[in-house]
């Protein structure tokens, strides 16, 4: 029994903890706070008019179906759209390999249920996405941290003894959360080949892939894996390309995996909302994303450059940071003796917030001298003001 309540919770429930980011966001609701903490897309990029028209059209033309229960697999035209969007000349994605989910966070939870037993070995980048750790940790895996460098995950790690017998490897190859790093094509190819040889499935989480604003697009692990004989489960989301309030994402995987995930989803929420799926399909079916995404990319590129310019001006020379080619985040590494949690306490006193690096490490010794910055929801003036304050505080702690 939990000592703080009269209720008897399960051991699993008692082990749950609040998200470090969500706790910080409680502070950032104060209007005076300059927040680089949240992983929220910019509301300036939400296509409100187009989505309103899509919902109106669906309700006017097929309202009864839109408001009714639907198949667990998802709205078939939307699944077909996803399959077609991800298919290439050399790799065909079948509609039976697509499952619509209520956001990619639900996908992570479902995949944890599918693959993880207590003590199962799970390979993760170091650092990695905090939301994935929250989902997987419910099922009590044994995390194994895969070493990374400025180029992201080091593929040779998969062939070490510590990786043997893993249930899966979880990776974000594009503009990784939290670091903003992108894996090169050569590393991607080596990774899928090593995972194929080791029989380790890859979960490719790619919510940010469409948000590239410089550099060269890289092939997905899904496509490379199909050619190399690797099992790749790809997660995608409409949160970053349309709006997170839609709570809509998808899983692409071999049909045998999708079939089992359908059973898990039936026990979770029966199906994702019919009206939302139909409206999203109505919005994207005519090529709207190709018209919309350049505007979002330009917005994020500009916001990122504001932050990079301000850091170059105000941060000391012995502070390092990533320079992302897309996405929403960059990663700061302080001198080794510094602690970003202590820096955060002082920053909040000066009305600036960010996310310390420690919660993003699943195993091994966390690098406490790191932190994540998000730039997409903050105005240019407040970016420059907030980074100037952080630069001053960093100098004071040296």
Protein backbone atom coordinates (compact mmCIF):
# COMPACT_ATOMS: atom_id res chain seq x y z
CA UNK A 1 0.00 0.00 0.00
CA UNK A 2 1.21 3.48 -0.83
CA UNK A 3 2.00 5.27 2.43
CA UNK A 4 0.36 8.45 1.14
CA UNK A 5 -3.05 7.00 0.22
CA UNK A 6 -5.59 4.57 1.67
CA UNK A 7 -5.57 2.67 -1.64
CA UNK A 8 -3.58 -0.39 -2.58
CA UNK A 9 -1.92 0.31 -5.92
CA UNK A 10 -0.10 -2.27 -8.02
CA UNK A 11 3.68 -2.47 -7.79
CA UNK A 12 3.78 -1.18 -11.35
CA UNK A 13 1.72 1.89 -10.44
CA UNK A 14 3.84 2.60 -7.38
CA UNK A 15 6.95 2.68 -9.54
CA UNK A 16 5.57 5.39 -11.82
CA UNK A 17 7.07 8.86 -11.57
CA UNK A 18 6.11 12.17 -13.09
CA UNK A 19 7.84 13.39 -16.22
CA UNK A 20 10.70 15.74 -15.43
CA UNK A 21 9.58 17.90 -18.35
CA UNK A 22 5.97 18.05 -17.19
CA UNK A 23 7.12 19.14 -13.74
CA UNK A 24 9.19 21.93 -15.27
CA UNK A 25 6.25 22.97 -17.44
CA UNK A 26 4.27 23.71 -14.29
CA UNK A 27 6.71 26.56 -13.70
CA UNK A 28 6.63 27.73 -17.30
CA UNK A 29 2.93 28.57 -17.18
CA UNK A 30 3.96 31.83 -15.54
CA UNK A 31 3.93 34.46 -18.31
CA UNK A 32 7.23 35.98 -17.24
CA UNK A 33 9.10 32.69 -17.81
CA UNK A 34 11.10 32.36 -21.03
CA UNK A 35 10.68 28.65 -21.61
CA UNK A 36 13.07 26.60 -23.71
CA UNK A 37 11.74 23.47 -21.93
CA UNK A 38 8.66 22.24 -23.75
CA UNK A 39 8.76 20.01 -26.79
CA UNK A 40 5.72 21.72 -28.24
CA UNK A 41 5.40 22.55 -31.94
CA UNK A 42 4.78 26.17 -32.78
CA UNK A 43 1.09 27.06 -32.82
CA UNK A 44 1.94 29.49 -35.64
CA UNK A 45 2.28 26.43 -37.85
CA UNK A 46 -1.16 24.94 -37.14
CA UNK A 47 -3.35 24.90 -40.30
CA UNK A 48 -6.50 25.94 -38.46
CA UNK A 49 -8.51 26.99 -41.51
CA UNK A 50 -7.76 23.82 -43.45
CA UNK A 51 -8.51 21.53 -40.51
CA UNK A 52 -11.79 23.33 -39.78
CA UNK A 53 -12.80 22.86 -43.40
CA UNK A 54 -11.81 19.18 -43.25
CA UNK A 55 -13.90 18.51 -40.15
CA UNK A 56 -16.85 20.44 -41.66
CA UNK A 57 -16.64 18.43 -44.87
CA UNK A 58 -16.47 15.08 -43.08
CA UNK A 59 -19.40 15.87 -40.78
CA UNK A 60 -21.48 17.26 -43.64
CA UNK A 61 -20.88 14.40 -46.05
CA UNK A 62 -20.39 11.34 -43.84
CA UNK A 63 -21.23 12.45 -40.31
CA UNK A 64 -22.87 9.20 -39.23
CA UNK A 65 -19.77 7.14 -40.00
CA UNK A 66 -17.47 9.80 -38.54
CA UNK A 67 -19.27 9.69 -35.18
CA UNK A 68 -19.59 5.90 -35.05
CA UNK A 69 -17.20 3.20 -33.83
CA UNK A 70 -14.61 2.17 -36.40
CA UNK A 71 -12.16 -0.67 -37.08
CA UNK A 72 -9.24 -1.06 -34.69
CA UNK A 73 -6.75 -0.96 -37.57
CA UNK A 74 -7.90 2.55 -38.43
CA UNK A 75 -9.73 4.37 -41.21
CA UNK A 76 -8.80 2.46 -44.35
CA UNK A 77 -8.29 5.46 -46.69
CA UNK A 78 -5.91 7.04 -44.15
CA UNK A 79 -4.00 3.77 -43.77
CA UNK A 80 -3.77 3.55 -47.56
CA UNK A 81 -2.47 7.13 -47.68
CA UNK A 82 0.25 6.32 -45.12
CA UNK A 83 1.22 3.17 -47.02
CA UNK A 84 1.44 5.06 -50.30
CA UNK A 85 3.32 7.98 -48.72
CA UNK A 86 6.00 5.66 -47.34
CA UNK A 87 6.30 3.40 -50.39
CA UNK A 88 9.13 3.92 -52.85
CA UNK A 89 10.05 2.46 -56.21
CA UNK A 90 12.03 -0.27 -54.46
CA UNK A 91 10.05 -0.75 -51.24
CA UNK A 92 6.31 -1.28 -51.19
CA UNK A 93 4.34 -0.77 -47.95
CA UNK A 94 1.08 -2.70 -47.81
CA UNK A 95 -1.99 -1.28 -46.09
CA UNK A 96 -2.05 -4.35 -43.82
CA UNK A 97 1.29 -3.18 -42.44
CA UNK A 98 -0.21 0.09 -41.16
CA UNK A 99 -1.99 0.65 -37.83
CA UNK A 100 -3.43 4.04 -36.84
CA UNK A 101 -2.85 4.94 -33.18
CA UNK A 102 -3.80 7.75 -30.83
CA UNK A 103 -0.46 9.52 -31.04
CA UNK A 104 2.99 7.97 -31.14
CA UNK A 105 3.09 7.94 -27.35
CA UNK A 106 0.36 5.29 -27.46
CA UNK A 107 2.45 3.42 -30.00
CA UNK A 108 5.36 3.30 -27.55
CA UNK A 109 3.11 1.96 -24.80
CA UNK A 110 1.70 -0.72 -27.08
CA UNK A 111 5.15 -1.79 -28.27
CA UNK A 112 6.27 -2.05 -24.66
CA UNK A 113 3.36 -4.40 -24.01
CA UNK A 114 4.23 -6.39 -27.12
CA UNK A 115 7.96 -6.90 -26.57
CA UNK A 116 8.94 -6.38 -22.93
CA UNK A 117 8.81 -8.84 -20.06
CA UNK A 118 10.25 -8.02 -16.64
CA UNK A 119 14.01 -7.94 -17.07
CA UNK A 120 13.95 -7.93 -20.88
CA UNK A 121 16.96 -6.26 -22.40
CA UNK A 122 16.11 -3.08 -24.34
CA UNK A 123 18.73 -1.10 -26.26
CA UNK A 124 18.45 2.70 -26.24
CA UNK A 125 20.56 5.60 -27.40
CA UNK A 126 22.34 7.53 -24.68
CA UNK A 127 20.72 10.01 -24.25
CA UNK A 128 17.27 9.16 -25.60
CA UNK A 129 13.67 10.38 -25.67
CA UNK A 130 12.28 10.69 -22.15
CA UNK A 131 8.72 9.83 -23.20
CA UNK A 132 9.87 6.46 -24.53
CA UNK A 133 11.62 5.70 -21.26
CA UNK A 134 8.42 6.51 -19.38
CA UNK A 135 6.41 4.13 -21.56
CA UNK A 136 8.88 1.26 -21.55
CA UNK A 137 9.77 1.54 -17.86
CA UNK A 138 6.24 0.51 -16.86
CA UNK A 139 7.12 -3.00 -18.08
CA UNK A 140 10.39 -3.13 -16.08
CA UNK A 141 13.01 -3.78 -18.77
CA UNK A 142 16.75 -3.86 -18.32
CA UNK A 143 17.99 -0.86 -20.29
CA UNK A 144 21.30 -1.09 -22.10
CA UNK A 145 22.72 2.26 -23.16
CA UNK A 146 24.22 2.37 -26.65
CA UNK A 147 27.13 4.77 -26.88
CA UNK A 148 26.72 7.84 -29.09
CA UNK A 149 28.88 10.64 -30.41
CA UNK A 150 28.28 13.76 -32.49
CA UNK A 151 27.00 11.52 -35.30
CA UNK A 152 24.43 9.83 -33.07
CA UNK A 153 24.24 6.14 -32.23
CA UNK A 154 27.41 4.12 -32.89
CA UNK A 155 26.25 1.01 -34.84
CA UNK A 156 29.12 -1.20 -33.66
CA UNK A 157 27.51 -1.16 -30.21
CA UNK A 158 24.88 -3.59 -31.52
CA UNK A 159 27.53 -6.26 -32.05
CA UNK A 160 28.88 -6.14 -28.50
CA UNK A 161 28.09 -8.71 -25.84
CA UNK A 162 26.01 -6.20 -23.90
CA UNK A 163 23.49 -6.06 -26.79
CA UNK A 164 23.05 -9.82 -27.14
CA UNK A 165 19.51 -11.09 -26.65
CA UNK A 166 17.85 -7.66 -26.71
CA UNK A 167 14.13 -7.53 -27.46
CA UNK A 168 14.60 -4.41 -29.61
CA UNK A 169 16.66 -1.30 -30.22
CA UNK A 170 14.88 2.04 -29.94
CA UNK A 171 16.27 4.90 -32.04
CA UNK A 172 15.35 8.35 -33.36
CA UNK A 173 17.54 8.75 -36.46
CA UNK A 174 16.28 12.22 -37.52
CA UNK A 175 16.85 15.33 -35.39
CA UNK A 176 16.86 13.22 -32.28
CA UNK A 177 15.04 14.27 -29.14
CA UNK A 178 16.88 15.47 -27.06
CA UNK A 179 20.10 16.14 -29.00
CA UNK A 180 18.95 17.23 -32.46
CA UNK A 181 21.50 14.84 -34.03
CA UNK A 182 20.89 13.03 -37.32
CA UNK A 183 22.42 9.68 -38.28
CA UNK A 184 24.27 9.53 -41.57
CA UNK A 185 23.23 7.12 -44.31
CA UNK A 186 26.38 5.07 -43.76
CA UNK A 187 25.57 4.61 -40.08
CA UNK A 188 21.96 3.75 -40.85
CA UNK A 189 23.04 1.09 -43.30
CA UNK A 190 25.51 -0.40 -40.82
CA UNK A 191 22.91 -0.31 -38.06
CA UNK A 192 20.24 -2.24 -39.98
CA UNK A 193 22.81 -4.79 -41.16
CA UNK A 194 24.10 -5.40 -37.64
CA UNK A 195 20.56 -5.64 -36.22
CA UNK A 196 19.57 -8.05 -38.99
CA UNK A 197 22.58 -10.25 -38.21
CA UNK A 198 21.83 -10.15 -34.47
CA UNK A 199 18.09 -10.71 -34.90
CA UNK A 200 17.27 -7.51 -33.02
CA UNK A 201 14.19 -5.57 -34.19
CA UNK A 202 14.55 -1.79 -34.54
CA UNK A 203 11.89 0.67 -33.41
CA UNK A 204 12.39 3.72 -35.61
CA UNK A 205 10.67 6.69 -34.00
CA UNK A 206 10.46 9.51 -36.55
CA UNK A 207 8.10 12.29 -35.49
CA UNK A 208 10.42 15.02 -36.78
CA UNK A 209 11.59 13.62 -40.13
CA UNK A 210 9.43 15.97 -42.21
CA UNK A 211 10.89 18.99 -40.40
CA UNK A 212 14.26 19.08 -42.20
CA UNK A 213 15.25 22.63 -43.06
CA UNK A 214 18.85 22.13 -44.24
CA UNK A 215 21.18 19.33 -45.25
CA UNK A 216 20.40 16.19 -47.23
CA UNK A 217 17.41 13.93 -46.47
CA UNK A 218 18.46 10.47 -45.29
CA UNK A 219 16.77 7.15 -46.11
CA UNK A 220 14.57 5.73 -43.37
CA UNK A 221 15.65 2.73 -41.32
CA UNK A 222 12.41 1.11 -42.52
CA UNK A 223 13.45 1.25 -46.18
CA UNK A 224 17.06 0.25 -45.52
CA UNK A 225 15.90 -2.51 -43.22
CA UNK A 226 13.54 -4.02 -45.80
CA UNK A 227 16.49 -4.39 -48.17
CA UNK A 228 18.85 -5.73 -45.48
CA UNK A 229 16.44 -8.23 -43.97
CA UNK A 230 16.09 -6.35 -40.68
CA UNK A 231 12.81 -6.04 -38.79
CA UNK A 232 12.01 -2.33 -38.48
CA UNK A 233 8.93 -0.96 -36.76
CA UNK A 234 8.43 2.64 -37.85
CA UNK A 235 6.47 5.19 -35.84
CA UNK A 236 5.07 8.36 -37.41
CA UNK A 237 2.89 11.17 -36.16
CA UNK A 238 0.60 13.90 -37.43
CA UNK A 239 1.39 15.95 -34.31
CA UNK A 240 4.40 17.76 -35.72
CA UNK A 241 3.16 18.15 -39.32
CA UNK A 242 -0.44 19.17 -38.53
CA UNK A 243 -1.24 19.59 -34.82
CA UNK A 244 -0.62 17.59 -31.62
CA UNK A 245 -4.19 18.09 -30.40
CA UNK A 246 -5.32 15.64 -33.08
CA UNK A 247 -3.58 12.83 -31.14
CA UNK A 248 -3.03 10.77 -34.25
CA UNK A 249 -0.06 8.69 -35.32
CA UNK A 250 0.71 5.38 -36.99
CA UNK A 251 2.83 2.24 -36.76
CA UNK A 252 4.27 0.55 -39.84
CA UNK A 253 5.55 -2.99 -39.27
CA UNK A 254 5.38 -6.52 -40.67
CA UNK A 255 1.80 -7.77 -40.74
CA UNK A 256 2.44 -10.35 -37.99
CA UNK A 257 3.45 -7.55 -35.61
CA UNK A 258 0.52 -5.36 -36.67
CA UNK A 259 -1.91 -8.23 -36.03
CA UNK A 260 -0.71 -8.61 -32.46
CA UNK A 261 -0.72 -4.82 -31.92
CA UNK A 262 -4.35 -4.74 -33.09
CA UNK A 263 -5.22 -7.13 -30.26
CA UNK A 264 -3.36 -4.92 -27.80
CA UNK A 265 -5.13 -1.80 -29.07
CA UNK A 266 -8.53 -3.49 -28.81
CA UNK A 267 -7.85 -3.88 -25.10
CA UNK A 268 -6.61 -0.29 -24.83
CA UNK A 269 -9.12 1.99 -26.56
CA UNK A 270 -10.86 -0.10 -29.27
CA UNK A 271 -9.78 2.33 -31.99
CA UNK A 272 -8.55 5.87 -32.55
CA UNK A 273 -11.28 8.51 -33.07
CA UNK A 274 -13.08 8.01 -36.38
CA UNK A 275 -13.91 11.66 -36.94
CA UNK A 276 -10.29 12.72 -36.42
CA UNK A 277 -8.94 10.09 -38.79
CA UNK A 278 -11.44 11.01 -41.47
CA UNK A 279 -10.73 14.72 -41.10
CA UNK A 280 -6.97 14.22 -41.29
CA UNK A 281 -7.40 12.14 -44.42
CA UNK A 282 -9.64 14.82 -45.90
CA UNK A 283 -6.94 17.40 -45.17
CA UNK A 284 -3.94 15.47 -46.55
CA UNK A 285 -5.37 13.45 -49.42
CA UNK A 286 -4.90 16.16 -52.04
CA UNK A 287 -1.26 16.91 -51.29
CA UNK A 288 -1.83 19.60 -48.65
CA UNK A 289 1.26 18.66 -46.62
CA UNK A 290 3.52 19.42 -49.59
CA UNK A 291 2.07 22.94 -49.59
CA UNK A 292 2.01 23.37 -45.81
CA UNK A 293 5.29 21.91 -44.59
CA UNK A 294 7.65 24.40 -46.30
CA UNK A 295 6.11 27.16 -44.20
CA UNK A 296 6.65 25.19 -40.99
CA UNK A 297 10.21 24.32 -41.97
CA UNK A 298 11.03 27.96 -42.72
CA UNK A 299 9.60 28.99 -39.35
CA UNK A 300 11.66 26.43 -37.45
CA UNK A 301 14.80 27.17 -39.42
CA UNK A 302 14.50 30.84 -38.51
CA UNK A 303 13.86 30.11 -34.83
CA UNK A 304 16.81 27.72 -34.70
CA UNK A 305 19.12 30.29 -36.26
CA UNK A 306 18.06 32.94 -33.74
CA UNK A 307 19.10 30.60 -30.93
CA UNK A 308 22.37 29.53 -32.57
CA UNK A 309 23.32 33.16 -33.18
CA UNK A 310 22.52 34.12 -29.58
CA UNK A 311 24.52 31.18 -28.18
CA UNK A 312 27.52 32.07 -30.32
CA UNK A 313 27.33 35.59 -28.90
CA UNK A 314 26.70 34.82 -25.23
CA UNK A 315 27.97 31.32 -24.34
CA UNK A 316 31.59 30.79 -23.26
CA UNK A 317 33.98 29.11 -25.67
CA UNK A 318 34.24 25.94 -23.58
CA UNK A 319 30.49 25.24 -23.89
CA UNK A 320 29.50 22.99 -26.80
CA UNK A 321 26.18 22.57 -28.58
CA UNK A 322 24.65 20.70 -31.51
CA UNK A 323 23.60 22.41 -34.74
CA UNK A 324 20.52 20.52 -35.92
CA UNK A 325 19.51 20.18 -39.57
CA UNK A 326 15.84 20.01 -38.59
CA UNK A 327 13.43 19.36 -35.77
CA UNK A 328 12.90 21.31 -32.58
CA UNK A 329 15.85 20.77 -30.22
CA UNK A 330 19.51 21.30 -29.61
CA UNK A 331 21.78 19.88 -26.92
CA UNK A 332 24.24 21.78 -24.77
CA UNK A 333 27.30 20.29 -23.09
CA UNK A 334 28.86 22.30 -20.28
CA UNK A 335 32.33 21.79 -18.77
CA UNK A 336 32.37 18.48 -16.90
CA UNK A 337 32.41 19.97 -13.40
CA UNK A 338 29.11 21.79 -13.94
CA UNK A 339 25.63 20.49 -13.06
CA UNK A 340 22.73 21.56 -15.28
CA UNK A 341 20.21 20.92 -12.47
CA UNK A 342 21.92 23.57 -10.35
CA UNK A 343 21.98 25.85 -13.38
CA UNK A 344 18.23 25.34 -13.84
CA UNK A 345 17.46 26.45 -10.27
CA UNK A 346 19.37 29.68 -10.83
CA UNK A 347 17.83 30.14 -14.29
CA UNK A 348 14.28 29.85 -12.97
CA UNK A 349 15.10 32.58 -10.47
CA UNK A 350 15.94 34.69 -13.54
CA UNK A 351 12.73 33.54 -15.33
CA UNK A 352 14.35 31.15 -17.81
CA UNK A 353 13.63 27.41 -18.07
CA UNK A 354 15.17 24.43 -19.90
CA UNK A 355 15.36 20.66 -19.37
CA UNK A 356 18.44 19.25 -17.60
CA UNK A 357 20.07 16.30 -19.36
CA UNK A 358 19.98 13.71 -16.60
CA UNK A 359 16.41 12.33 -17.19
CA UNK A 360 17.28 11.46 -20.79
CA UNK A 361 19.80 8.80 -19.71
CA UNK A 362 18.29 5.35 -19.20
CA UNK A 363 21.33 3.48 -17.93
CA UNK A 364 24.89 4.08 -16.88
CA UNK A 365 26.19 7.33 -15.52
CA UNK A 366 24.12 10.32 -16.75
CA UNK A 367 26.02 13.33 -18.01
CA UNK A 368 24.82 15.95 -15.56
CA UNK A 369 26.63 18.70 -17.47
CA UNK A 370 24.13 18.56 -20.34
CA UNK A 371 20.74 20.11 -21.09
CA UNK A 372 18.14 20.41 -23.85
CA UNK A 373 16.86 23.61 -25.41
CA UNK A 374 13.74 23.92 -27.58
CA UNK A 375 13.48 26.99 -29.79
CA UNK A 376 10.26 26.73 -31.80
CA UNK A 377 7.71 28.38 -29.48
CA UNK A 378 9.76 31.40 -28.35
CA UNK A 379 9.94 34.76 -30.12
CA UNK A 380 13.23 36.13 -31.42
CA UNK A 381 13.46 38.80 -28.71
CA UNK A 382 12.80 36.33 -25.92
CA UNK A 383 15.24 33.81 -27.39
CA UNK A 384 17.97 36.43 -27.37
CA UNK A 385 17.06 37.61 -23.88
CA UNK A 386 16.86 34.09 -22.44
CA UNK A 387 20.12 32.90 -23.99
CA UNK A 388 21.90 36.02 -22.75
CA UNK A 389 20.72 35.23 -19.21
CA UNK A 390 21.84 31.59 -19.52
CA UNK A 391 25.22 32.69 -20.83
CA UNK A 392 25.71 34.99 -17.86
CA UNK A 393 24.68 32.27 -15.38
CA UNK A 394 27.03 29.75 -16.98
CA UNK A 395 29.93 32.16 -16.68
CA UNK A 396 29.07 32.78 -13.02
CA UNK A 397 29.20 29.04 -12.27
CA UNK A 398 32.58 28.47 -13.92
